[in-house]
Amino acid sequence: MQRTVKKQFWLNQEENRDLKDKAERTCLTEAALLRLLIKGFEPKEKPDSRFYEAMRELSALGNRFNQIAIKANALGFIDAPMLEKELEKLNRFQLKVEQQFLMPEKNREKWQ
């Protein structure tokens, strides 16, 4: 969506610091942060390094599961559908963790 409307407004020094700080903590530009807030979303702060390490481990685990499923299917000595089902559960878990740590949430009570 192309943005064609320009808005200009004034902030005091404290408001300016707050906006800059919150934009930095969420890894968004000030404009992107304001657009999310206007839409009723509350962005989450960038997670610390523990989150990214956990995501790398989950990704590696998922890759191993996938390799096991491919090999088991080729050799025919393991229940490949069951293993693939477990891989799907792992992928859903990874998505849930990403949503919890990274995705902005819609706050239906504010600004509506």
N, C-alpha and C. Protein backbone atom coordinates (compact mmCIF):
# COMPACT_ATOMS: atom_id res chain seq x y z
N MET A 1 0.84 -1.17 0.00
CA MET A 1 0.00 0.00 0.00
C MET A 1 0.89 1.24 0.00
N GLN A 2 0.65 2.10 -0.92
CA GLN A 2 1.44 3.32 -1.03
C GLN A 2 0.90 4.36 -0.05
N ARG A 3 1.79 5.00 0.65
CA ARG A 3 1.39 6.04 1.60
C ARG A 3 1.53 7.39 0.93
N THR A 4 0.42 8.12 0.86
CA THR A 4 0.41 9.39 0.15
C THR A 4 0.06 10.57 1.06
N VAL A 5 -0.24 10.30 2.33
CA VAL A 5 -0.63 11.36 3.25
C VAL A 5 0.50 11.59 4.25
N LYS A 6 0.95 12.83 4.34
CA LYS A 6 2.01 13.19 5.27
C LYS A 6 1.39 13.87 6.48
N LYS A 7 1.82 13.44 7.67
CA LYS A 7 1.37 14.06 8.92
C LYS A 7 2.58 14.65 9.63
N GLN A 8 2.42 15.84 10.14
CA GLN A 8 3.49 16.46 10.91
C GLN A 8 2.91 16.87 12.25
N PHE A 9 3.62 16.53 13.33
CA PHE A 9 3.15 16.89 14.66
C PHE A 9 4.36 17.13 15.55
N TRP A 10 4.08 17.74 16.69
CA TRP A 10 5.14 18.15 17.60
C TRP A 10 5.14 17.27 18.85
N LEU A 11 6.34 16.97 19.35
CA LEU A 11 6.52 16.23 20.60
C LEU A 11 7.41 17.05 21.51
N ASN A 12 7.26 16.83 22.81
CA ASN A 12 8.22 17.45 23.71
C ASN A 12 9.44 16.51 23.81
N GLN A 13 10.47 16.95 24.53
CA GLN A 13 11.71 16.16 24.59
C GLN A 13 11.48 14.76 25.18
N GLU A 14 10.68 14.68 26.22
CA GLU A 14 10.41 13.38 26.85
C GLU A 14 9.66 12.45 25.91
N GLU A 15 8.65 12.96 25.23
CA GLU A 15 7.89 12.15 24.27
C GLU A 15 8.79 11.68 23.14
N ASN A 16 9.66 12.57 22.68
CA ASN A 16 10.59 12.22 21.61
C ASN A 16 11.52 11.09 22.05
N ARG A 17 12.08 11.19 23.27
CA ARG A 17 12.95 10.14 23.81
C ARG A 17 12.19 8.83 23.93
N ASP A 18 10.94 8.90 24.42
CA ASP A 18 10.13 7.69 24.57
C ASP A 18 9.88 7.02 23.22
N LEU A 19 9.54 7.81 22.22
CA LEU A 19 9.28 7.26 20.89
C LEU A 19 10.54 6.62 20.32
N LYS A 20 11.66 7.32 20.41
CA LYS A 20 12.93 6.77 19.91
C LYS A 20 13.29 5.48 20.64
N ASP A 21 13.15 5.47 21.96
CA ASP A 21 13.49 4.30 22.77
C ASP A 21 12.60 3.11 22.40
N LYS A 22 11.31 3.35 22.29
CA LYS A 22 10.39 2.26 21.97
C LYS A 22 10.61 1.74 20.56
N ALA A 23 10.92 2.61 19.63
CA ALA A 23 11.21 2.17 18.26
C ALA A 23 12.48 1.31 18.25
N GLU A 24 13.50 1.74 18.99
CA GLU A 24 14.74 0.95 19.06
C GLU A 24 14.50 -0.41 19.69
N ARG A 25 13.73 -0.45 20.78
CA ARG A 25 13.50 -1.72 21.49
C ARG A 25 12.68 -2.70 20.65
N THR A 26 11.88 -2.20 19.74
CA THR A 26 11.08 -3.09 18.89
C THR A 26 11.72 -3.31 17.52
N CYS A 27 12.85 -2.66 17.27
CA CYS A 27 13.55 -2.75 15.98
C CYS A 27 12.66 -2.29 14.83
N LEU A 28 11.88 -1.25 15.09
CA LEU A 28 11.03 -0.64 14.07
C LEU A 28 11.44 0.81 13.89
N THR A 29 11.08 1.37 12.75
CA THR A 29 11.24 2.80 12.60
C THR A 29 10.17 3.48 13.44
N GLU A 30 10.37 4.75 13.72
CA GLU A 30 9.36 5.48 14.48
C GLU A 30 8.02 5.49 13.72
N ALA A 31 8.08 5.67 12.43
CA ALA A 31 6.85 5.69 11.62
C ALA A 31 6.15 4.34 11.65
N ALA A 32 6.90 3.26 11.51
CA ALA A 32 6.30 1.92 11.54
C ALA A 32 5.67 1.64 12.90
N LEU A 33 6.35 2.07 13.96
CA LEU A 33 5.80 1.88 15.30
C LEU A 33 4.48 2.63 15.45
N LEU A 34 4.44 3.89 15.01
CA LEU A 34 3.21 4.67 15.11
C LEU A 34 2.08 4.04 14.30
N ARG A 35 2.39 3.54 13.10
CA ARG A 35 1.35 2.91 12.27
C ARG A 35 0.77 1.67 12.98
N LEU A 36 1.63 0.86 13.61
CA LEU A 36 1.13 -0.31 14.33
C LEU A 36 0.24 0.11 15.50
N LEU A 37 0.68 1.11 16.24
CA LEU A 37 -0.10 1.59 17.39
C LEU A 37 -1.45 2.13 16.94
N ILE A 38 -1.48 2.85 15.84
CA ILE A 38 -2.73 3.40 15.31
C ILE A 38 -3.71 2.27 14.97
N LYS A 39 -3.17 1.16 14.45
CA LYS A 39 -4.01 0.02 14.08
C LYS A 39 -4.41 -0.82 15.29
N GLY A 40 -3.93 -0.45 16.47
CA GLY A 40 -4.32 -1.18 17.68
C GLY A 40 -3.39 -2.31 18.06
N PHE A 41 -2.23 -2.40 17.44
CA PHE A 41 -1.27 -3.45 17.76
C PHE A 41 -0.27 -2.95 18.79
N GLU A 42 0.19 -3.85 19.63
CA GLU A 42 1.23 -3.53 20.59
C GLU A 42 2.47 -4.34 20.22
N PRO A 43 3.45 -3.72 19.58
CA PRO A 43 4.64 -4.46 19.16
C PRO A 43 5.42 -4.98 20.36
N LYS A 44 6.10 -6.08 20.16
CA LYS A 44 6.91 -6.65 21.22
C LYS A 44 8.35 -6.20 21.06
N GLU A 45 9.02 -6.13 22.18
CA GLU A 45 10.43 -5.77 22.13
C GLU A 45 11.22 -6.90 21.50
N LYS A 46 12.34 -6.53 20.89
CA LYS A 46 13.21 -7.53 20.31
C LYS A 46 13.68 -8.46 21.42
N PRO A 47 13.54 -9.77 21.21
CA PRO A 47 13.97 -10.71 22.25
C PRO A 47 15.48 -10.72 22.40
N ASP A 48 15.92 -11.20 23.54
CA ASP A 48 17.36 -11.26 23.76
C ASP A 48 17.96 -12.46 23.02
N SER A 49 19.25 -12.64 23.17
CA SER A 49 19.97 -13.66 22.41
C SER A 49 19.50 -15.08 22.73
N ARG A 50 18.91 -15.29 23.91
CA ARG A 50 18.42 -16.64 24.26
C ARG A 50 17.34 -17.10 23.30
N PHE A 51 16.49 -16.17 22.88
CA PHE A 51 15.43 -16.54 21.94
C PHE A 51 16.03 -17.02 20.62
N TYR A 52 17.00 -16.28 20.10
CA TYR A 52 17.59 -16.64 18.81
C TYR A 52 18.37 -17.95 18.90
N GLU A 53 19.01 -18.19 20.02
CA GLU A 53 19.70 -19.47 20.21
C GLU A 53 18.69 -20.61 20.24
N ALA A 54 17.58 -20.41 20.93
CA ALA A 54 16.53 -21.44 20.98
C ALA A 54 15.96 -21.69 19.59
N MET A 55 15.78 -20.63 18.81
CA MET A 55 15.24 -20.81 17.47
C MET A 55 16.22 -21.55 16.57
N ARG A 56 17.52 -21.29 16.73
CA ARG A 56 18.53 -22.03 15.96
C ARG A 56 18.50 -23.51 16.32
N GLU A 57 18.39 -23.79 17.61
CA GLU A 57 18.33 -25.18 18.05
C GLU A 57 17.07 -25.88 17.53
N LEU A 58 15.94 -25.18 17.60
CA LEU A 58 14.70 -25.75 17.08
C LEU A 58 14.80 -26.01 15.58
N SER A 59 15.39 -25.07 14.87
CA SER A 59 15.54 -25.24 13.43
C SER A 59 16.44 -26.44 13.11
N ALA A 60 17.53 -26.57 13.85
CA ALA A 60 18.43 -27.71 13.64
C ALA A 60 17.71 -29.02 13.96
N LEU A 61 16.94 -29.02 15.03
CA LEU A 61 16.18 -30.20 15.39
C LEU A 61 15.18 -30.55 14.30
N GLY A 62 14.50 -29.56 13.79
CA GLY A 62 13.55 -29.79 12.70
C GLY A 62 14.22 -30.36 11.47
N ASN A 63 15.41 -29.85 11.14
CA ASN A 63 16.14 -30.38 9.99
C ASN A 63 16.51 -31.85 10.21
N ARG A 64 16.92 -32.16 11.44
CA ARG A 64 17.26 -33.57 11.73
C ARG A 64 16.03 -34.47 11.62
N PHE A 65 14.90 -34.00 12.14
CA PHE A 65 13.67 -34.78 12.01
C PHE A 65 13.34 -35.02 10.55
N ASN A 66 13.50 -33.99 9.75
CA ASN A 66 13.19 -34.12 8.33
C ASN A 66 14.14 -35.11 7.65
N GLN A 67 15.40 -35.06 7.97
CA GLN A 67 16.36 -36.02 7.41
C GLN A 67 16.03 -37.45 7.83
N ILE A 68 15.65 -37.60 9.09
CA ILE A 68 15.28 -38.93 9.59
C ILE A 68 14.06 -39.45 8.84
N ALA A 69 13.08 -38.58 8.63
CA ALA A 69 11.86 -38.98 7.93
C ALA A 69 12.16 -39.40 6.50
N ILE A 70 13.01 -38.65 5.83
CA ILE A 70 13.36 -38.99 4.44
C ILE A 70 14.08 -40.34 4.39
N LYS A 71 15.05 -40.53 5.27
CA LYS A 71 15.80 -41.79 5.30
C LYS A 71 14.91 -42.96 5.69
N ALA A 72 14.07 -42.76 6.70
CA ALA A 72 13.18 -43.83 7.15
C ALA A 72 12.20 -44.21 6.06
N ASN A 73 11.71 -43.23 5.33
CA ASN A 73 10.78 -43.51 4.25
C ASN A 73 11.47 -44.29 3.14
N ALA A 74 12.73 -43.94 2.86
CA ALA A 74 13.47 -44.64 1.80
C ALA A 74 13.79 -46.08 2.21
N LEU A 75 14.15 -46.28 3.47
CA LEU A 75 14.52 -47.62 3.94
C LEU A 75 13.30 -48.44 4.35
N GLY A 76 12.23 -47.78 4.68
CA GLY A 76 10.98 -48.46 5.00
C GLY A 76 10.96 -49.20 6.33
N PHE A 77 11.77 -48.81 7.31
CA PHE A 77 11.75 -49.54 8.57
C PHE A 77 11.26 -48.71 9.76
N ILE A 78 10.76 -47.52 9.51
CA ILE A 78 10.22 -46.69 10.58
C ILE A 78 8.89 -46.11 10.11
N ASP A 79 8.04 -45.75 11.03
CA ASP A 79 6.74 -45.19 10.71
C ASP A 79 6.92 -43.75 10.25
N ALA A 80 7.12 -43.59 8.97
CA ALA A 80 7.38 -42.26 8.41
C ALA A 80 6.20 -41.30 8.63
N PRO A 81 4.94 -41.73 8.45
CA PRO A 81 3.83 -40.80 8.70
C PRO A 81 3.82 -40.28 10.15
N MET A 82 4.12 -41.16 11.09
CA MET A 82 4.15 -40.74 12.49
C MET A 82 5.28 -39.74 12.72
N LEU A 83 6.41 -40.01 12.15
CA LEU A 83 7.55 -39.11 12.30
C LEU A 83 7.26 -37.76 11.65
N GLU A 84 6.62 -37.78 10.49
CA GLU A 84 6.27 -36.52 9.84
C GLU A 84 5.24 -35.74 10.66
N LYS A 85 4.34 -36.47 11.32
CA LYS A 85 3.36 -35.82 12.19
C LYS A 85 4.07 -35.11 13.34
N GLU A 86 5.08 -35.76 13.89
CA GLU A 86 5.86 -35.15 14.97
C GLU A 86 6.62 -33.92 14.46
N LEU A 87 7.10 -33.99 13.25
CA LEU A 87 7.79 -32.84 12.65
C LEU A 87 6.82 -31.66 12.50
N GLU A 88 5.60 -31.95 12.12
CA GLU A 88 4.59 -30.89 12.01
C GLU A 88 4.34 -30.25 13.38
N LYS A 89 4.29 -31.06 14.43
CA LYS A 89 4.11 -30.53 15.79
C LYS A 89 5.28 -29.61 16.15
N LEU A 90 6.47 -30.03 15.80
CA LEU A 90 7.65 -29.23 16.08
C LEU A 90 7.58 -27.90 15.33
N ASN A 91 7.18 -27.93 14.08
CA ASN A 91 7.06 -26.70 13.30
C ASN A 91 6.00 -25.77 13.89
N ARG A 92 4.88 -26.33 14.36
CA ARG A 92 3.84 -25.51 15.00
C ARG A 92 4.37 -24.88 16.28
N PHE A 93 5.17 -25.65 17.03
CA PHE A 93 5.77 -25.12 18.24
C PHE A 93 6.70 -23.95 17.91
N GLN A 94 7.51 -24.12 16.89
CA GLN A 94 8.42 -23.05 16.49
C GLN A 94 7.64 -21.80 16.12
N LEU A 95 6.57 -21.95 15.37
CA LEU A 95 5.75 -20.81 14.98
C LEU A 95 5.14 -20.14 16.22
N LYS A 96 4.68 -20.95 17.16
CA LYS A 96 4.10 -20.42 18.39
C LYS A 96 5.13 -19.59 19.17
N VAL A 97 6.36 -20.09 19.25
CA VAL A 97 7.42 -19.36 19.95
C VAL A 97 7.71 -18.05 19.23
N GLU A 98 7.79 -18.08 17.90
CA GLU A 98 8.02 -16.86 17.13
C GLU A 98 6.90 -15.85 17.36
N GLN A 99 5.66 -16.33 17.35
CA GLN A 99 4.54 -15.43 17.56
C GLN A 99 4.59 -14.81 18.95
N GLN A 100 4.96 -15.61 19.94
CA GLN A 100 4.99 -15.10 21.30
C GLN A 100 6.08 -14.07 21.50
N PHE A 101 7.23 -14.28 20.88
CA PHE A 101 8.36 -13.37 21.09
C PHE A 101 8.43 -12.22 20.09
N LEU A 102 7.94 -12.42 18.87
CA LEU A 102 8.20 -11.45 17.81
C LEU A 102 7.00 -10.72 17.26
N MET A 103 5.89 -11.40 17.10
CA MET A 103 4.76 -10.81 16.39
C MET A 103 4.01 -9.79 17.25
N PRO A 104 3.62 -8.67 16.65
CA PRO A 104 2.82 -7.71 17.41
C PRO A 104 1.44 -8.30 17.69
N GLU A 105 0.87 -7.92 18.82
CA GLU A 105 -0.45 -8.40 19.18
C GLU A 105 -1.48 -7.33 18.93
N LYS A 106 -2.64 -7.74 18.53
CA LYS A 106 -3.77 -6.82 18.35
C LYS A 106 -4.41 -6.61 19.70
N ASN A 107 -4.49 -5.37 20.14
CA ASN A 107 -5.14 -5.04 21.40
C ASN A 107 -6.51 -4.49 21.04
N ARG A 108 -7.52 -5.28 21.24
CA ARG A 108 -8.87 -4.91 20.81
C ARG A 108 -9.54 -3.90 21.74
N GLU A 109 -8.98 -3.68 22.92
CA GLU A 109 -9.60 -2.77 23.86
C GLU A 109 -9.16 -1.33 23.69
N LYS A 110 -7.98 -1.12 23.17
CA LYS A 110 -7.45 0.23 23.03
C LYS A 110 -7.73 0.79 21.65
N TRP A 111 -8.03 2.06 21.60
CA TRP A 111 -8.12 2.82 20.36
C TRP A 111 -9.23 2.35 19.45
N GLN A 112 -10.16 1.58 19.93
CA GLN A 112 -11.21 1.07 19.05
C GLN A 112 -12.52 1.75 19.34
